[in-house]
Protein backbone atom coordinates (compact mmCIF):
# COMPACT_ATOMS: atom_id res chain seq x y z
CA MET A 1 0.00 0.00 0.00
CA LEU A 2 1.22 3.49 -0.83
CA ASP A 3 1.66 6.16 1.82
CA GLY A 4 -0.16 9.48 1.78
CA ALA A 5 2.74 11.45 0.34
CA THR A 6 3.14 9.03 -2.56
CA THR A 7 -0.59 9.03 -3.22
CA ALA A 8 -0.60 12.84 -3.32
CA LEU A 9 2.37 12.79 -5.71
CA LEU A 10 0.59 10.36 -8.04
CA ARG A 11 -2.57 12.49 -8.04
CA THR A 12 -0.55 15.62 -8.87
CA ILE A 13 1.25 13.87 -11.71
CA LEU A 14 -2.03 12.50 -13.10
CA ASP A 15 -3.56 15.99 -13.02
CA GLU A 16 -0.52 17.48 -14.78
CA VAL A 17 -0.41 14.81 -17.48
CA CYS A 18 -4.17 14.96 -18.08
CA GLU A 19 -4.63 18.73 -17.83
CA ARG A 20 -5.82 18.90 -21.45
CA VAL A 21 -7.99 15.78 -21.27
CA SER A 22 -11.71 16.45 -21.08
CA PRO A 23 -13.18 15.73 -17.63
CA TYR A 24 -15.73 13.57 -19.48
CA ASP A 25 -13.02 11.33 -20.94
CA VAL A 26 -12.81 9.20 -17.81
CA GLY A 27 -11.47 6.17 -19.67
CA VAL A 28 -8.30 7.99 -20.70
CA ARG A 29 -7.70 9.27 -17.16
CA VAL A 30 -8.23 5.78 -15.74
CA TYR A 31 -5.81 4.28 -18.26
CA VAL A 32 -3.11 6.86 -17.50
CA ALA A 33 -3.69 6.51 -13.75
CA SER A 34 -3.33 2.74 -13.96
CA LYS A 35 0.03 3.00 -15.71
CA ILE A 36 1.34 5.53 -13.19
CA LEU A 37 0.07 3.38 -10.32
CA GLU A 38 1.69 0.23 -11.78
CA ALA A 39 5.05 2.01 -11.85
CA ALA A 40 4.62 3.28 -8.30
CA THR A 41 3.73 -0.15 -6.95
CA ARG A 42 6.92 -1.48 -8.56
CA GLY A 43 8.79 1.06 -6.44
CA GLU A 44 9.23 3.97 -8.83
CA THR A 45 8.80 7.25 -6.95
CA ARG A 46 10.83 9.71 -9.05
CA PRO A 47 8.38 12.40 -10.19
CA ASP A 48 10.13 12.97 -13.53
CA LEU A 49 9.97 9.30 -14.48
CA LEU A 50 6.38 8.90 -13.27
CA LYS A 51 5.38 11.90 -15.38
CA GLN A 52 7.16 10.43 -18.40
CA ILE A 53 5.31 7.13 -17.86
CA GLY A 54 2.04 9.05 -17.64
CA GLN A 55 2.75 10.98 -20.84
CA GLU A 56 3.60 7.78 -22.70
CA ALA A 57 0.38 6.20 -21.44
CA LEU A 58 -1.58 9.25 -22.56
CA SER A 59 -0.18 8.95 -26.07
CA LYS A 60 -1.25 5.29 -26.19
CA ALA A 61 -4.57 5.64 -24.37
CA PRO A 62 -7.54 4.15 -26.18
CA THR A 63 -10.10 6.73 -27.19
CA MET A 64 -13.05 6.80 -29.53
CA TRP A 65 -11.81 10.05 -31.11
CA ARG A 66 -8.64 8.64 -32.70
């Protein structure tokens, strides 16, 4: 389980990565969040790398508009 500080970091990174994603595009946010969370549960806590992982996930996220 992740501590409060790590959880806050992950939320901040998700918000930064998805700042241009529509609030109605929940599927994309969930996909990006899952990839960031997977990395964090493997022990990755460096904000720059977590943000990079989130950005890569965003570019690969399934969406009906592509």
